N, C-alpha and C. Protein backbone atom coordinates (compact mmCIF):
# COMPACT_ATOMS: atom_id res chain seq x y z
N MET A 1 9.01 -18.18 2.36
CA MET A 1 7.71 -18.76 2.19
C MET A 1 6.73 -17.67 1.83
N SER A 2 5.73 -18.02 1.11
CA SER A 2 4.67 -17.09 0.78
C SER A 2 3.36 -17.68 1.25
N LYS A 3 2.52 -16.84 1.75
CA LYS A 3 1.22 -17.30 2.23
C LYS A 3 0.21 -16.25 1.88
N THR A 4 -0.89 -16.64 1.28
CA THR A 4 -1.97 -15.71 1.00
C THR A 4 -2.95 -15.78 2.15
N ILE A 5 -3.30 -14.62 2.66
CA ILE A 5 -4.20 -14.53 3.80
C ILE A 5 -5.42 -13.73 3.38
N LEU A 6 -6.59 -14.23 3.71
CA LEU A 6 -7.82 -13.50 3.43
C LEU A 6 -8.28 -12.90 4.75
N ASN A 7 -8.32 -11.57 4.81
CA ASN A 7 -8.75 -10.94 6.06
C ASN A 7 -10.26 -10.81 6.09
N LYS A 8 -10.78 -10.27 7.16
CA LYS A 8 -12.23 -10.23 7.36
C LYS A 8 -12.97 -9.37 6.33
N GLU A 9 -12.29 -8.39 5.74
CA GLU A 9 -12.92 -7.57 4.72
C GLU A 9 -12.90 -8.24 3.35
N GLY A 10 -12.28 -9.42 3.25
CA GLY A 10 -12.21 -10.11 1.98
C GLY A 10 -11.02 -9.70 1.13
N ASN A 11 -10.15 -8.83 1.67
CA ASN A 11 -8.94 -8.46 0.94
C ASN A 11 -7.88 -9.52 1.16
N LYS A 12 -7.13 -9.81 0.12
CA LYS A 12 -6.04 -10.75 0.26
C LYS A 12 -4.74 -9.99 0.44
N PHE A 13 -3.91 -10.49 1.33
CA PHE A 13 -2.55 -9.98 1.36
C PHE A 13 -1.61 -11.16 1.43
N ASN A 14 -0.47 -11.01 0.81
CA ASN A 14 0.54 -12.05 0.80
C ASN A 14 1.65 -11.69 1.75
N VAL A 15 2.27 -12.70 2.30
CA VAL A 15 3.41 -12.52 3.17
C VAL A 15 4.60 -13.18 2.52
N ILE A 16 5.68 -12.46 2.46
CA ILE A 16 6.91 -12.97 1.88
C ILE A 16 7.96 -12.96 2.98
N ILE A 17 8.68 -14.05 3.13
CA ILE A 17 9.78 -14.11 4.08
C ILE A 17 11.07 -14.26 3.28
N ALA A 18 12.00 -13.36 3.53
CA ALA A 18 13.27 -13.38 2.80
C ALA A 18 14.42 -13.49 3.78
N LYS A 19 15.43 -14.23 3.38
CA LYS A 19 16.66 -14.29 4.15
C LYS A 19 17.79 -14.68 3.22
N ASN A 20 18.92 -14.03 3.41
CA ASN A 20 20.13 -14.32 2.66
C ASN A 20 19.94 -14.22 1.15
N GLY A 21 19.30 -13.14 0.72
CA GLY A 21 19.18 -12.86 -0.70
C GLY A 21 18.08 -13.61 -1.41
N LEU A 22 17.32 -14.40 -0.71
CA LEU A 22 16.29 -15.20 -1.37
C LEU A 22 14.92 -14.93 -0.76
N LEU A 23 13.94 -14.87 -1.61
CA LEU A 23 12.56 -14.92 -1.15
C LEU A 23 12.25 -16.40 -1.11
N ARG A 24 12.14 -16.91 0.08
CA ARG A 24 12.08 -18.35 0.25
C ARG A 24 10.95 -18.99 -0.54
N ASP A 25 11.31 -20.05 -1.22
CA ASP A 25 10.39 -20.94 -1.92
C ASP A 25 9.74 -20.35 -3.17
N ILE A 26 9.90 -19.05 -3.47
CA ILE A 26 9.15 -18.57 -4.62
C ILE A 26 9.91 -17.69 -5.58
N MET A 27 10.91 -16.96 -5.14
CA MET A 27 11.47 -15.97 -6.04
C MET A 27 12.96 -15.83 -5.88
N MET A 28 13.54 -15.05 -6.77
CA MET A 28 14.98 -14.85 -6.76
C MET A 28 15.33 -13.48 -6.18
N GLU A 29 16.63 -13.25 -6.05
CA GLU A 29 17.10 -12.01 -5.43
C GLU A 29 16.62 -10.77 -6.16
N LYS A 30 16.49 -10.83 -7.47
CA LYS A 30 16.04 -9.65 -8.22
C LYS A 30 14.66 -9.20 -7.74
N THR A 31 13.78 -10.16 -7.49
CA THR A 31 12.45 -9.83 -7.00
C THR A 31 12.52 -9.25 -5.59
N LEU A 32 13.40 -9.80 -4.77
CA LEU A 32 13.60 -9.26 -3.43
C LEU A 32 14.03 -7.80 -3.51
N VAL A 33 14.96 -7.49 -4.37
CA VAL A 33 15.43 -6.11 -4.54
C VAL A 33 14.26 -5.21 -4.92
N ASN A 34 13.42 -5.66 -5.84
CA ASN A 34 12.26 -4.85 -6.24
C ASN A 34 11.30 -4.62 -5.08
N TYR A 35 11.04 -5.66 -4.29
CA TYR A 35 10.16 -5.50 -3.13
C TYR A 35 10.77 -4.55 -2.11
N LEU A 36 12.07 -4.68 -1.87
CA LEU A 36 12.72 -3.78 -0.92
C LEU A 36 12.69 -2.34 -1.41
N LYS A 37 12.87 -2.14 -2.71
CA LYS A 37 12.78 -0.78 -3.27
C LYS A 37 11.38 -0.20 -3.05
N ASP A 38 10.36 -1.05 -3.16
CA ASP A 38 8.99 -0.59 -2.91
C ASP A 38 8.75 -0.32 -1.43
N LEU A 39 9.47 -1.01 -0.56
CA LEU A 39 9.33 -0.82 0.88
C LEU A 39 10.02 0.45 1.36
N ILE A 40 11.08 0.87 0.70
CA ILE A 40 11.88 2.01 1.15
C ILE A 40 11.04 3.28 1.36
N PRO A 41 10.17 3.69 0.44
CA PRO A 41 9.37 4.90 0.70
C PRO A 41 8.49 4.79 1.95
N ILE A 42 7.98 3.59 2.22
CA ILE A 42 7.17 3.38 3.42
C ILE A 42 8.04 3.54 4.66
N LEU A 43 9.23 2.95 4.64
CA LEU A 43 10.15 3.09 5.77
C LEU A 43 10.54 4.55 5.98
N LYS A 44 10.84 5.24 4.89
CA LYS A 44 11.25 6.65 4.99
C LYS A 44 10.14 7.51 5.60
N LYS A 45 8.90 7.19 5.26
CA LYS A 45 7.78 7.99 5.76
C LYS A 45 7.41 7.62 7.19
N GLU A 46 7.34 6.32 7.47
CA GLU A 46 6.84 5.86 8.76
C GLU A 46 7.89 5.90 9.87
N ILE A 47 9.14 5.75 9.53
CA ILE A 47 10.21 5.75 10.54
C ILE A 47 11.05 7.00 10.30
N ASN A 48 10.46 8.14 10.57
CA ASN A 48 11.10 9.41 10.28
C ASN A 48 11.16 10.24 11.55
N PRO A 49 12.26 10.78 11.95
CA PRO A 49 13.55 10.64 11.27
C PRO A 49 14.30 9.41 11.78
N HIS A 50 14.87 8.67 10.92
CA HIS A 50 15.78 7.59 11.26
C HIS A 50 17.00 7.80 10.38
N ASN A 51 18.15 7.82 10.97
CA ASN A 51 19.36 8.19 10.23
C ASN A 51 19.52 7.43 8.92
N ILE A 52 19.38 6.12 8.95
CA ILE A 52 19.62 5.34 7.73
C ILE A 52 18.58 5.65 6.67
N PHE A 53 17.34 5.90 7.07
CA PHE A 53 16.28 6.11 6.09
C PHE A 53 16.25 7.53 5.54
N GLN A 54 17.17 8.37 5.98
CA GLN A 54 17.32 9.70 5.39
C GLN A 54 18.34 9.69 4.25
N LYS A 55 19.01 8.56 4.09
CA LYS A 55 20.02 8.44 3.02
C LYS A 55 19.33 8.16 1.69
N ASN A 56 20.11 8.14 0.61
CA ASN A 56 19.52 7.89 -0.71
C ASN A 56 19.10 6.42 -0.84
N GLU A 57 18.28 6.15 -1.83
CA GLU A 57 17.69 4.82 -1.99
C GLU A 57 18.74 3.72 -2.12
N ASP A 58 19.82 3.96 -2.85
CA ASP A 58 20.85 2.94 -3.03
C ASP A 58 21.51 2.57 -1.70
N GLU A 59 21.77 3.56 -0.86
CA GLU A 59 22.38 3.29 0.44
C GLU A 59 21.42 2.54 1.35
N VAL A 60 20.15 2.92 1.31
CA VAL A 60 19.15 2.23 2.13
C VAL A 60 18.99 0.79 1.64
N LEU A 61 18.95 0.60 0.33
CA LEU A 61 18.81 -0.75 -0.23
C LEU A 61 19.98 -1.63 0.19
N THR A 62 21.19 -1.11 0.12
CA THR A 62 22.37 -1.87 0.54
C THR A 62 22.25 -2.26 2.01
N TYR A 63 21.82 -1.32 2.83
CA TYR A 63 21.61 -1.58 4.26
C TYR A 63 20.60 -2.71 4.47
N LEU A 64 19.46 -2.65 3.78
CA LEU A 64 18.42 -3.66 3.94
C LEU A 64 18.90 -5.03 3.45
N LEU A 65 19.61 -5.06 2.34
CA LEU A 65 20.14 -6.33 1.84
C LEU A 65 21.14 -6.94 2.81
N ASN A 66 21.92 -6.11 3.46
CA ASN A 66 22.87 -6.62 4.46
C ASN A 66 22.16 -7.16 5.69
N ILE A 67 21.10 -6.50 6.13
CA ILE A 67 20.33 -6.98 7.29
C ILE A 67 19.78 -8.37 7.02
N GLN A 68 19.21 -8.56 5.83
CA GLN A 68 18.52 -9.83 5.58
C GLN A 68 19.50 -10.99 5.34
N LYS A 69 20.79 -10.73 5.35
CA LYS A 69 21.75 -11.83 5.30
C LYS A 69 21.76 -12.60 6.62
N GLU A 70 21.42 -11.91 7.71
CA GLU A 70 21.44 -12.53 9.03
C GLU A 70 20.05 -12.75 9.63
N HIS A 71 19.09 -11.94 9.22
CA HIS A 71 17.76 -11.99 9.82
C HIS A 71 16.70 -12.14 8.74
N GLU A 72 15.54 -12.62 9.15
CA GLU A 72 14.44 -12.76 8.20
C GLU A 72 13.77 -11.42 7.97
N PHE A 73 13.38 -11.19 6.73
CA PHE A 73 12.63 -10.00 6.36
C PHE A 73 11.20 -10.43 6.09
N PHE A 74 10.25 -9.80 6.74
CA PHE A 74 8.83 -10.06 6.57
C PHE A 74 8.28 -8.93 5.72
N ILE A 75 7.75 -9.25 4.55
CA ILE A 75 7.22 -8.24 3.63
C ILE A 75 5.76 -8.57 3.36
N ALA A 76 4.88 -7.61 3.58
CA ALA A 76 3.44 -7.80 3.36
C ALA A 76 3.03 -7.12 2.06
N LEU A 77 2.21 -7.83 1.27
CA LEU A 77 1.75 -7.33 -0.03
C LEU A 77 0.24 -7.44 -0.14
N ILE A 78 -0.37 -6.49 -0.82
CA ILE A 78 -1.77 -6.61 -1.25
C ILE A 78 -1.76 -6.42 -2.75
N ASN A 79 -2.31 -7.40 -3.46
CA ASN A 79 -2.33 -7.35 -4.93
C ASN A 79 -0.95 -7.05 -5.50
N GLU A 80 0.05 -7.75 -4.97
CA GLU A 80 1.45 -7.62 -5.40
C GLU A 80 2.05 -6.25 -5.12
N LYS A 81 1.38 -5.42 -4.33
CA LYS A 81 1.91 -4.11 -3.94
C LYS A 81 2.39 -4.20 -2.49
N VAL A 82 3.62 -3.77 -2.26
CA VAL A 82 4.18 -3.80 -0.91
C VAL A 82 3.41 -2.81 -0.03
N ILE A 83 2.94 -3.30 1.12
CA ILE A 83 2.21 -2.43 2.05
C ILE A 83 2.94 -2.27 3.38
N GLY A 84 4.06 -2.98 3.54
CA GLY A 84 4.83 -2.84 4.76
C GLY A 84 5.78 -3.99 4.97
N GLY A 85 6.48 -3.92 6.08
CA GLY A 85 7.42 -4.99 6.39
C GLY A 85 8.14 -4.74 7.70
N THR A 86 8.92 -5.73 8.08
CA THR A 86 9.75 -5.64 9.28
C THR A 86 10.84 -6.68 9.20
N VAL A 87 11.86 -6.51 10.00
CA VAL A 87 12.92 -7.50 10.15
C VAL A 87 12.60 -8.31 11.39
N LEU A 88 12.64 -9.64 11.27
CA LEU A 88 12.42 -10.53 12.40
C LEU A 88 13.80 -10.92 12.93
N GLU A 89 14.20 -10.28 14.01
CA GLU A 89 15.55 -10.47 14.54
C GLU A 89 15.50 -11.25 15.85
N LYS A 90 16.09 -12.46 15.86
CA LYS A 90 16.14 -13.24 17.10
C LYS A 90 17.22 -12.64 17.99
N LYS A 91 16.80 -12.18 19.19
CA LYS A 91 17.71 -11.50 20.11
C LYS A 91 18.31 -12.44 21.14
N ASP A 92 17.54 -13.43 21.58
CA ASP A 92 18.01 -14.29 22.66
C ASP A 92 17.24 -15.60 22.63
N GLU A 93 17.80 -16.59 23.32
CA GLU A 93 17.17 -17.91 23.36
C GLU A 93 17.58 -18.60 24.66
N SER A 94 16.64 -19.33 25.27
CA SER A 94 16.98 -20.08 26.47
C SER A 94 17.93 -21.22 26.11
N ILE A 95 18.61 -21.75 27.11
CA ILE A 95 19.58 -22.82 26.87
C ILE A 95 18.90 -24.01 26.21
N ARG A 96 17.70 -24.36 26.65
CA ARG A 96 16.97 -25.50 26.06
C ARG A 96 16.32 -25.15 24.73
N GLY A 97 16.29 -23.88 24.40
CA GLY A 97 15.70 -23.47 23.12
C GLY A 97 14.19 -23.37 23.14
N ASP A 98 13.58 -23.48 24.33
CA ASP A 98 12.11 -23.46 24.39
C ASP A 98 11.53 -22.06 24.59
N HIS A 99 12.40 -21.07 24.76
CA HIS A 99 11.94 -19.68 24.86
C HIS A 99 12.88 -18.80 24.04
N LYS A 100 12.29 -17.95 23.20
CA LYS A 100 13.08 -17.06 22.36
C LYS A 100 12.56 -15.64 22.47
N VAL A 101 13.46 -14.70 22.33
CA VAL A 101 13.10 -13.28 22.32
C VAL A 101 13.37 -12.76 20.91
N TRP A 102 12.33 -12.17 20.33
CA TRP A 102 12.42 -11.63 18.97
C TRP A 102 12.21 -10.13 18.99
N LYS A 103 12.88 -9.45 18.12
CA LYS A 103 12.70 -8.01 17.96
C LYS A 103 12.18 -7.74 16.55
N LEU A 104 11.14 -6.93 16.48
CA LEU A 104 10.66 -6.45 15.19
C LEU A 104 11.42 -5.17 14.90
N LYS A 105 12.32 -5.24 13.96
CA LYS A 105 13.19 -4.10 13.66
C LYS A 105 12.68 -3.41 12.40
N HIS A 106 12.64 -2.10 12.44
CA HIS A 106 12.18 -1.28 11.30
C HIS A 106 10.77 -1.67 10.87
N PHE A 107 9.87 -1.80 11.82
CA PHE A 107 8.48 -2.13 11.51
C PHE A 107 7.80 -0.92 10.89
N ALA A 108 7.19 -1.13 9.73
CA ALA A 108 6.47 -0.03 9.07
C ALA A 108 5.37 -0.60 8.18
N LEU A 109 4.21 0.04 8.25
CA LEU A 109 3.09 -0.29 7.37
C LEU A 109 2.61 0.98 6.70
N SER A 110 2.19 0.84 5.47
CA SER A 110 1.64 1.97 4.73
C SER A 110 0.45 2.54 5.49
N GLU A 111 0.31 3.85 5.47
CA GLU A 111 -0.76 4.47 6.26
C GLU A 111 -2.14 4.29 5.64
N ASP A 112 -2.22 3.82 4.40
CA ASP A 112 -3.52 3.72 3.75
C ASP A 112 -4.14 2.33 3.83
N ILE A 113 -3.64 1.47 4.71
CA ILE A 113 -4.29 0.16 4.87
C ILE A 113 -5.23 0.21 6.07
N GLU A 114 -6.21 -0.67 6.05
CA GLU A 114 -7.24 -0.68 7.09
C GLU A 114 -6.69 -1.22 8.40
N LYS A 115 -7.28 -0.77 9.49
CA LYS A 115 -6.84 -1.21 10.82
C LYS A 115 -6.94 -2.72 10.97
N ASN A 116 -7.97 -3.32 10.40
CA ASN A 116 -8.12 -4.77 10.52
C ASN A 116 -7.00 -5.49 9.78
N THR A 117 -6.58 -4.95 8.65
CA THR A 117 -5.47 -5.55 7.91
C THR A 117 -4.18 -5.41 8.72
N GLU A 118 -4.01 -4.27 9.38
CA GLU A 118 -2.84 -4.10 10.26
C GLU A 118 -2.83 -5.18 11.34
N LYS A 119 -3.99 -5.42 11.94
CA LYS A 119 -4.11 -6.44 12.99
C LYS A 119 -3.79 -7.83 12.44
N GLU A 120 -4.28 -8.13 11.24
CA GLU A 120 -4.00 -9.43 10.62
C GLU A 120 -2.51 -9.61 10.36
N ILE A 121 -1.84 -8.54 9.98
CA ILE A 121 -0.39 -8.61 9.73
C ILE A 121 0.35 -8.89 11.03
N ILE A 122 -0.02 -8.19 12.10
CA ILE A 122 0.60 -8.45 13.41
C ILE A 122 0.35 -9.90 13.82
N SER A 123 -0.87 -10.39 13.63
CA SER A 123 -1.19 -11.78 13.98
C SER A 123 -0.36 -12.76 13.17
N GLU A 124 -0.16 -12.48 11.90
CA GLU A 124 0.64 -13.37 11.06
C GLU A 124 2.10 -13.40 11.53
N ILE A 125 2.64 -12.26 11.90
CA ILE A 125 4.01 -12.23 12.44
C ILE A 125 4.08 -13.08 13.70
N GLU A 126 3.13 -12.88 14.60
CA GLU A 126 3.12 -13.65 15.85
C GLU A 126 2.98 -15.14 15.58
N ASN A 127 2.10 -15.52 14.67
CA ASN A 127 1.90 -16.94 14.36
C ASN A 127 3.16 -17.57 13.77
N ARG A 128 3.86 -16.84 12.92
CA ARG A 128 5.11 -17.36 12.36
C ARG A 128 6.15 -17.57 13.45
N LEU A 129 6.24 -16.63 14.37
CA LEU A 129 7.23 -16.75 15.43
C LEU A 129 6.84 -17.83 16.44
N LYS A 130 5.54 -18.04 16.67
CA LYS A 130 5.08 -19.10 17.58
C LYS A 130 5.54 -20.47 17.10
N LYS A 131 5.65 -20.66 15.80
CA LYS A 131 6.09 -21.95 15.25
C LYS A 131 7.56 -22.23 15.55
N LYS A 132 8.29 -21.22 15.97
CA LYS A 132 9.73 -21.37 16.20
C LYS A 132 10.07 -21.66 17.66
N SER A 133 9.09 -21.57 18.56
CA SER A 133 9.38 -21.75 19.98
C SER A 133 8.10 -21.98 20.78
N LYS A 134 8.20 -22.76 21.86
CA LYS A 134 7.05 -23.00 22.73
C LYS A 134 6.59 -21.73 23.42
N SER A 135 7.55 -20.90 23.78
CA SER A 135 7.21 -19.62 24.39
C SER A 135 8.13 -18.56 23.81
N LEU A 136 7.59 -17.36 23.70
CA LEU A 136 8.39 -16.31 23.09
C LEU A 136 7.97 -14.95 23.61
N LYS A 137 8.87 -14.04 23.40
CA LYS A 137 8.61 -12.64 23.69
C LYS A 137 8.96 -11.88 22.43
N ILE A 138 8.06 -10.98 22.04
CA ILE A 138 8.29 -10.14 20.86
C ILE A 138 8.40 -8.71 21.36
N GLN A 139 9.44 -8.03 20.94
CA GLN A 139 9.57 -6.63 21.35
C GLN A 139 9.80 -5.76 20.12
N VAL A 140 9.42 -4.51 20.28
CA VAL A 140 9.60 -3.52 19.22
C VAL A 140 10.00 -2.20 19.89
N ASN A 141 11.02 -1.57 19.34
CA ASN A 141 11.47 -0.27 19.83
C ASN A 141 10.87 0.81 18.94
N LEU A 142 10.20 1.78 19.56
CA LEU A 142 9.52 2.82 18.79
C LEU A 142 9.86 4.20 19.33
N SER A 143 10.18 5.09 18.43
CA SER A 143 10.39 6.49 18.79
C SER A 143 9.04 7.08 19.19
N GLU A 144 9.07 8.06 20.08
CA GLU A 144 7.83 8.72 20.49
C GLU A 144 7.12 9.35 19.30
N LYS A 145 7.83 9.58 18.20
CA LYS A 145 7.23 10.18 17.01
C LYS A 145 6.48 9.16 16.16
N GLU A 146 6.64 7.88 16.44
CA GLU A 146 5.95 6.83 15.70
C GLU A 146 4.61 6.52 16.37
N THR A 147 3.77 7.54 16.46
CA THR A 147 2.52 7.43 17.21
C THR A 147 1.56 6.40 16.63
N ARG A 148 1.49 6.30 15.32
CA ARG A 148 0.59 5.33 14.70
C ARG A 148 1.00 3.90 15.05
N ALA A 149 2.30 3.61 14.99
CA ALA A 149 2.79 2.28 15.34
C ALA A 149 2.59 1.99 16.83
N ILE A 150 2.80 2.99 17.66
CA ILE A 150 2.59 2.81 19.10
C ILE A 150 1.14 2.40 19.36
N GLU A 151 0.19 3.10 18.75
CA GLU A 151 -1.23 2.76 18.94
C GLU A 151 -1.55 1.37 18.39
N LEU A 152 -0.97 1.01 17.26
CA LEU A 152 -1.19 -0.31 16.68
C LEU A 152 -0.74 -1.41 17.64
N PHE A 153 0.44 -1.28 18.19
CA PHE A 153 0.93 -2.31 19.11
C PHE A 153 0.14 -2.32 20.41
N LYS A 154 -0.27 -1.18 20.90
CA LYS A 154 -1.13 -1.15 22.09
C LYS A 154 -2.44 -1.90 21.83
N ARG A 155 -3.04 -1.67 20.65
CA ARG A 155 -4.30 -2.35 20.29
C ARG A 155 -4.12 -3.86 20.21
N ASN A 156 -2.89 -4.30 20.00
CA ASN A 156 -2.61 -5.73 19.88
C ASN A 156 -1.96 -6.30 21.14
N ASN A 157 -2.23 -5.63 22.26
CA ASN A 157 -1.84 -6.11 23.60
C ASN A 157 -0.34 -6.12 23.87
N TYR A 158 0.39 -5.26 23.22
CA TYR A 158 1.80 -5.06 23.56
C TYR A 158 1.85 -4.04 24.69
N LYS A 159 2.70 -4.29 25.66
CA LYS A 159 2.80 -3.43 26.84
C LYS A 159 4.13 -2.67 26.81
N LYS A 160 4.07 -1.43 27.27
CA LYS A 160 5.29 -0.64 27.34
C LYS A 160 6.13 -1.16 28.50
N GLU A 161 7.36 -1.58 28.20
CA GLU A 161 8.25 -2.11 29.23
C GLU A 161 9.31 -1.12 29.67
N ALA A 162 9.63 -0.18 28.81
CA ALA A 162 10.68 0.77 29.17
C ALA A 162 10.57 2.04 28.34
N THR A 163 11.08 3.10 28.92
CA THR A 163 11.21 4.37 28.22
C THR A 163 12.68 4.78 28.34
N LEU A 164 13.30 5.05 27.22
CA LEU A 164 14.69 5.47 27.21
C LEU A 164 14.77 6.89 26.67
N ASP A 165 15.38 7.76 27.44
CA ASP A 165 15.59 9.14 27.00
C ASP A 165 16.84 9.24 26.14
N ASN A 166 16.78 10.08 25.13
CA ASN A 166 17.94 10.39 24.29
C ASN A 166 18.57 9.16 23.64
N HIS A 167 17.77 8.14 23.38
CA HIS A 167 18.30 6.89 22.82
C HIS A 167 18.64 7.03 21.34
N TYR A 168 17.68 7.50 20.57
CA TYR A 168 17.93 7.70 19.13
C TYR A 168 18.45 9.11 18.86
N ARG A 169 17.82 10.08 19.50
CA ARG A 169 18.18 11.49 19.30
C ARG A 169 18.02 12.24 20.61
N ILE A 170 18.75 13.33 20.75
CA ILE A 170 18.66 14.18 21.94
C ILE A 170 17.22 14.71 22.07
N ASN A 171 16.73 14.72 23.29
CA ASN A 171 15.38 15.23 23.62
C ASN A 171 14.26 14.42 22.97
N GLU A 172 14.51 13.14 22.74
CA GLU A 172 13.47 12.27 22.18
C GLU A 172 13.44 10.99 23.00
N LYS A 173 12.25 10.50 23.24
CA LYS A 173 12.08 9.25 23.98
C LYS A 173 11.93 8.09 23.01
N MET A 174 12.41 6.94 23.45
CA MET A 174 12.21 5.69 22.73
C MET A 174 11.52 4.75 23.70
N PHE A 175 10.48 4.07 23.20
CA PHE A 175 9.72 3.14 24.03
C PHE A 175 9.97 1.72 23.56
N ILE A 176 10.07 0.81 24.51
CA ILE A 176 10.14 -0.61 24.20
C ILE A 176 8.78 -1.20 24.54
N TYR A 177 8.10 -1.73 23.53
CA TYR A 177 6.84 -2.43 23.71
C TYR A 177 7.10 -3.92 23.52
N ALA A 178 6.41 -4.76 24.29
CA ALA A 178 6.64 -6.19 24.20
C ALA A 178 5.37 -6.97 24.51
N LYS A 179 5.39 -8.21 24.05
CA LYS A 179 4.29 -9.14 24.30
C LYS A 179 4.89 -10.52 24.47
N SER A 180 4.47 -11.22 25.52
CA SER A 180 4.90 -12.61 25.74
C SER A 180 3.79 -13.54 25.29
N ILE A 181 4.18 -14.62 24.64
CA ILE A 181 3.22 -15.57 24.08
C ILE A 181 3.68 -16.98 24.43
N ASN A 182 2.76 -17.78 24.97
CA ASN A 182 3.04 -19.19 25.23
C ASN A 182 2.18 -20.02 24.30
N SER A 183 2.80 -20.97 23.61
CA SER A 183 2.04 -21.81 22.66
C SER A 183 1.26 -22.87 23.40
């Protein structure tokens, strides 16, 4: 699905949701590949060091295409330019299906977008996930080196739930931030 959102500064950004090789409702796989190629430099810069994002573009692209076969890819655009994205990965669900746990995997936004636009993107992700369940929990795993993302999620009322030592790399901490939402 695609949705154009007008933020408070009057800038428009579009949201694209992709799964299984398709940009839902609007485009074909070729366009998805182009958007993912535009997202790769943002991922390489913002999630550094991450083993997969240190590989060459073709290997990273193959990895991203494989992820979106099972999970939704959220891609944010301003004026048709990719400004960031994340994988929406459903981790768990209650037996009745009324509560779901989602993980934002490989969350990255370009550093040159405004803080308010960042907030609008987080809100859009939350609103999309709220439509899938009466209650939900959203979590994101962040390396201690992802300081900009940590501050962004703190500003959006995500709470640190855990600190894991040596999770991604030796002598590095990984934090789990989460937010519970009831519709």
